[in-house]
Amino acid sequence: MSGEDRRPVVEDYTAHAIAFVIVFGFFAIIMVALLGFVDIRDPTIAAFVGTAIGYAAGKLDPVLTRYFPALLRTPPGPPGPPRPL
């Protein structure tokens, strides 16, 4: 297998690995916060956990659009007024 043939395969595996790490990390942050491994009553820790969850949720959007492109499709709306000639 030449380098040109191998590059798309490596890029695909890399994309899958990054997506797995992002999704797993997001759910790990949620699990750690909900199971009580961190004391959320402390305002500093609560702010950090909230920021981390917000950041991870923002990073989760490109992963979802790559693997579930149908989520981007919106149903067509009602027709607009007729266009003047």
N, C-alpha and C. Protein backbone atom coordinates (compact mmCIF):
# COMPACT_ATOMS: atom_id res chain seq x y z
N MET A 1 0.86 -1.17 0.00
CA MET A 1 0.00 0.00 0.00
C MET A 1 0.90 1.23 0.00
N SER A 2 0.67 2.11 -0.93
CA SER A 2 1.50 3.31 -1.02
C SER A 2 1.01 4.37 -0.04
N GLY A 3 1.79 5.41 0.09
CA GLY A 3 1.43 6.48 1.00
C GLY A 3 0.16 7.21 0.59
N GLU A 4 -0.04 7.32 -0.74
CA GLU A 4 -1.25 7.99 -1.23
C GLU A 4 -2.50 7.17 -0.92
N ASP A 5 -2.36 5.85 -0.96
CA ASP A 5 -3.50 4.99 -0.65
C ASP A 5 -3.77 4.92 0.85
N ARG A 6 -2.72 5.05 1.62
CA ARG A 6 -2.85 4.90 3.06
C ARG A 6 -3.37 6.17 3.73
N ARG A 7 -3.12 7.33 3.14
CA ARG A 7 -3.48 8.59 3.78
C ARG A 7 -4.97 8.71 4.11
N PRO A 8 -5.90 8.42 3.17
CA PRO A 8 -7.33 8.52 3.54
C PRO A 8 -7.72 7.57 4.67
N VAL A 9 -7.12 6.40 4.69
CA VAL A 9 -7.44 5.43 5.75
C VAL A 9 -6.98 5.96 7.10
N VAL A 10 -5.77 6.50 7.14
CA VAL A 10 -5.24 7.05 8.40
C VAL A 10 -6.05 8.25 8.84
N GLU A 11 -6.43 9.12 7.90
CA GLU A 11 -7.26 10.28 8.24
C GLU A 11 -8.62 9.84 8.78
N ASP A 12 -9.18 8.80 8.20
CA ASP A 12 -10.47 8.30 8.67
C ASP A 12 -10.36 7.73 10.08
N TYR A 13 -9.33 6.92 10.31
CA TYR A 13 -9.12 6.38 11.66
C TYR A 13 -8.85 7.49 12.67
N THR A 14 -8.12 8.50 12.25
CA THR A 14 -7.84 9.63 13.15
C THR A 14 -9.13 10.37 13.50
N ALA A 15 -9.98 10.60 12.50
CA ALA A 15 -11.26 11.27 12.76
C ALA A 15 -12.12 10.45 13.71
N HIS A 16 -12.15 9.14 13.51
CA HIS A 16 -12.92 8.28 14.41
C HIS A 16 -12.37 8.32 15.83
N ALA A 17 -11.06 8.31 15.96
CA ALA A 17 -10.43 8.33 17.29
C ALA A 17 -10.71 9.64 18.00
N ILE A 18 -10.60 10.76 17.28
CA ILE A 18 -10.87 12.06 17.89
C ILE A 18 -12.34 12.14 18.30
N ALA A 19 -13.24 11.66 17.44
CA ALA A 19 -14.66 11.69 17.78
C ALA A 19 -14.94 10.84 19.01
N PHE A 20 -14.32 9.67 19.11
CA PHE A 20 -14.52 8.82 20.28
C PHE A 20 -14.03 9.51 21.55
N VAL A 21 -12.86 10.13 21.49
CA VAL A 21 -12.32 10.80 22.68
C VAL A 21 -13.21 11.95 23.11
N ILE A 22 -13.71 12.73 22.15
CA ILE A 22 -14.56 13.87 22.50
C ILE A 22 -15.88 13.40 23.12
N VAL A 23 -16.51 12.42 22.50
CA VAL A 23 -17.80 11.94 23.04
C VAL A 23 -17.60 11.25 24.39
N PHE A 24 -16.57 10.41 24.50
CA PHE A 24 -16.30 9.74 25.77
C PHE A 24 -15.97 10.76 26.85
N GLY A 25 -15.17 11.76 26.52
CA GLY A 25 -14.81 12.78 27.51
C GLY A 25 -16.02 13.57 27.97
N PHE A 26 -16.93 13.88 27.05
CA PHE A 26 -18.14 14.61 27.42
C PHE A 26 -18.96 13.82 28.43
N PHE A 27 -19.18 12.55 28.14
CA PHE A 27 -19.97 11.74 29.07
C PHE A 27 -19.21 11.46 30.36
N ALA A 28 -17.89 11.42 30.31
CA ALA A 28 -17.11 11.24 31.54
C ALA A 28 -17.25 12.47 32.44
N ILE A 29 -17.23 13.66 31.86
CA ILE A 29 -17.40 14.88 32.65
C ILE A 29 -18.78 14.89 33.30
N ILE A 30 -19.80 14.54 32.53
CA ILE A 30 -21.16 14.48 33.07
C ILE A 30 -21.24 13.46 34.20
N MET A 31 -20.66 12.29 33.99
CA MET A 31 -20.72 11.22 34.99
C MET A 31 -20.00 11.64 36.28
N VAL A 32 -18.83 12.24 36.13
CA VAL A 32 -18.07 12.66 37.31
C VAL A 32 -18.85 13.70 38.09
N ALA A 33 -19.50 14.62 37.39
CA ALA A 33 -20.26 15.66 38.08
C ALA A 33 -21.51 15.10 38.75
N LEU A 34 -22.21 14.19 38.07
CA LEU A 34 -23.47 13.69 38.62
C LEU A 34 -23.27 12.64 39.71
N LEU A 35 -22.19 11.87 39.66
CA LEU A 35 -21.97 10.85 40.67
C LEU A 35 -21.34 11.38 41.95
N GLY A 36 -21.00 12.64 41.96
CA GLY A 36 -20.51 13.25 43.19
C GLY A 36 -19.03 13.11 43.42
N PHE A 37 -18.25 12.84 42.40
CA PHE A 37 -16.81 12.77 42.58
C PHE A 37 -16.20 14.16 42.77
N VAL A 38 -16.94 15.18 42.42
CA VAL A 38 -16.51 16.56 42.66
C VAL A 38 -17.57 17.24 43.52
N ASP A 39 -17.14 18.16 44.34
CA ASP A 39 -18.04 18.90 45.22
C ASP A 39 -18.53 20.14 44.47
N ILE A 40 -19.74 20.06 43.93
CA ILE A 40 -20.26 21.15 43.11
C ILE A 40 -20.74 22.32 43.97
N ARG A 41 -20.79 22.14 45.27
CA ARG A 41 -21.21 23.26 46.13
C ARG A 41 -20.17 24.37 46.17
N ASP A 42 -18.91 24.03 45.89
CA ASP A 42 -17.86 25.04 45.82
C ASP A 42 -18.04 25.83 44.53
N PRO A 43 -18.19 27.15 44.60
CA PRO A 43 -18.47 27.94 43.38
C PRO A 43 -17.38 27.82 42.32
N THR A 44 -16.13 27.72 42.73
CA THR A 44 -15.05 27.61 41.76
C THR A 44 -15.15 26.31 40.97
N ILE A 45 -15.39 25.22 41.67
CA ILE A 45 -15.51 23.92 41.01
C ILE A 45 -16.78 23.87 40.16
N ALA A 46 -17.86 24.46 40.66
CA ALA A 46 -19.11 24.48 39.90
C ALA A 46 -18.92 25.26 38.60
N ALA A 47 -18.21 26.37 38.67
CA ALA A 47 -17.95 27.16 37.46
C ALA A 47 -17.07 26.38 36.49
N PHE A 48 -16.07 25.66 37.01
CA PHE A 48 -15.19 24.88 36.15
C PHE A 48 -15.96 23.75 35.47
N VAL A 49 -16.79 23.04 36.23
CA VAL A 49 -17.57 21.94 35.66
C VAL A 49 -18.55 22.48 34.62
N GLY A 50 -19.19 23.58 34.91
CA GLY A 50 -20.11 24.18 33.93
C GLY A 50 -19.40 24.62 32.67
N THR A 51 -18.23 25.21 32.82
CA THR A 51 -17.45 25.62 31.66
C THR A 51 -16.99 24.42 30.86
N ALA A 52 -16.53 23.38 31.53
CA ALA A 52 -16.07 22.17 30.84
C ALA A 52 -17.21 21.50 30.09
N ILE A 53 -18.39 21.44 30.70
CA ILE A 53 -19.54 20.83 30.02
C ILE A 53 -19.95 21.68 28.82
N GLY A 54 -19.96 23.00 28.98
CA GLY A 54 -20.30 23.87 27.85
C GLY A 54 -19.29 23.75 26.72
N TYR A 55 -18.02 23.69 27.06
CA TYR A 55 -16.97 23.53 26.04
C TYR A 55 -17.10 22.18 25.34
N ALA A 56 -17.32 21.13 26.11
CA ALA A 56 -17.44 19.80 25.52
C ALA A 56 -18.70 19.70 24.66
N ALA A 57 -19.77 20.34 25.07
CA ALA A 57 -20.99 20.30 24.26
C ALA A 57 -20.77 21.03 22.94
N GLY A 58 -20.01 22.10 22.97
CA GLY A 58 -19.69 22.82 21.73
C GLY A 58 -18.81 22.00 20.80
N LYS A 59 -17.90 21.23 21.38
CA LYS A 59 -17.03 20.37 20.57
C LYS A 59 -17.76 19.12 20.09
N LEU A 60 -18.88 18.79 20.70
CA LEU A 60 -19.64 17.61 20.31
C LEU A 60 -20.44 17.87 19.03
N ASP A 61 -20.77 19.11 18.74
CA ASP A 61 -21.59 19.43 17.58
C ASP A 61 -20.93 19.02 16.26
N PRO A 62 -19.65 19.33 16.00
CA PRO A 62 -19.05 18.88 14.73
C PRO A 62 -19.00 17.35 14.60
N VAL A 63 -18.84 16.67 15.72
CA VAL A 63 -18.83 15.20 15.68
C VAL A 63 -20.20 14.69 15.25
N LEU A 64 -21.24 15.25 15.81
CA LEU A 64 -22.59 14.81 15.46
C LEU A 64 -22.92 15.13 14.01
N THR A 65 -22.47 16.29 13.51
CA THR A 65 -22.77 16.62 12.12
C THR A 65 -21.97 15.75 11.16
N ARG A 66 -20.80 15.25 11.57
CA ARG A 66 -20.04 14.36 10.69
C ARG A 66 -20.70 12.98 10.61
N TYR A 67 -21.12 12.45 11.75
CA TYR A 67 -21.65 11.10 11.77
C TYR A 67 -23.16 11.03 11.58
N PHE A 68 -23.85 12.12 11.79
CA PHE A 68 -25.30 12.15 11.60
C PHE A 68 -25.68 13.38 10.78
N PRO A 69 -25.36 13.40 9.49
CA PRO A 69 -25.65 14.61 8.68
C PRO A 69 -27.14 14.86 8.51
N ALA A 70 -27.98 13.86 8.72
CA ALA A 70 -29.42 14.06 8.57
C ALA A 70 -29.96 15.01 9.63
N LEU A 71 -29.24 15.20 10.73
CA LEU A 71 -29.70 16.11 11.78
C LEU A 71 -29.70 17.56 11.30
N LEU A 72 -28.91 17.87 10.28
CA LEU A 72 -28.84 19.24 9.78
C LEU A 72 -30.00 19.60 8.87
N ARG A 73 -30.61 18.60 8.28
CA ARG A 73 -31.70 18.88 7.35
C ARG A 73 -32.92 19.36 8.10
N THR A 74 -33.46 20.47 7.66
CA THR A 74 -34.67 21.00 8.26
C THR A 74 -35.81 20.81 7.27
N PRO A 75 -37.00 20.54 7.78
CA PRO A 75 -38.12 20.36 6.85
C PRO A 75 -38.41 21.68 6.14
N PRO A 76 -38.88 21.60 4.90
CA PRO A 76 -39.17 22.85 4.17
C PRO A 76 -40.32 23.58 4.84
N GLY A 77 -40.20 24.88 4.84
CA GLY A 77 -41.24 25.73 5.44
C GLY A 77 -42.36 25.99 4.44
N PRO A 78 -43.34 26.76 4.87
CA PRO A 78 -44.44 27.09 3.96
C PRO A 78 -43.91 27.96 2.81
N PRO A 79 -44.55 27.88 1.66
CA PRO A 79 -44.08 28.70 0.53
C PRO A 79 -44.27 30.18 0.84
N GLY A 80 -43.36 30.97 0.34
CA GLY A 80 -43.43 32.41 0.56
C GLY A 80 -44.37 33.06 -0.44
N PRO A 81 -44.47 34.39 -0.36
CA PRO A 81 -45.35 35.09 -1.31
C PRO A 81 -44.78 34.98 -2.72
N PRO A 82 -45.63 35.09 -3.72
CA PRO A 82 -45.14 35.00 -5.09
C PRO A 82 -44.18 36.13 -5.41
N ARG A 83 -43.19 35.85 -6.24
CA ARG A 83 -42.20 36.87 -6.60
C ARG A 83 -42.76 37.73 -7.74
N PRO A 84 -42.52 39.02 -7.66
CA PRO A 84 -42.99 39.88 -8.75
C PRO A 84 -42.14 39.66 -10.01
N LEU A 85 -42.76 39.85 -11.15
CA LEU A 85 -42.04 39.68 -12.42
C LEU A 85 -41.20 40.84 -12.73
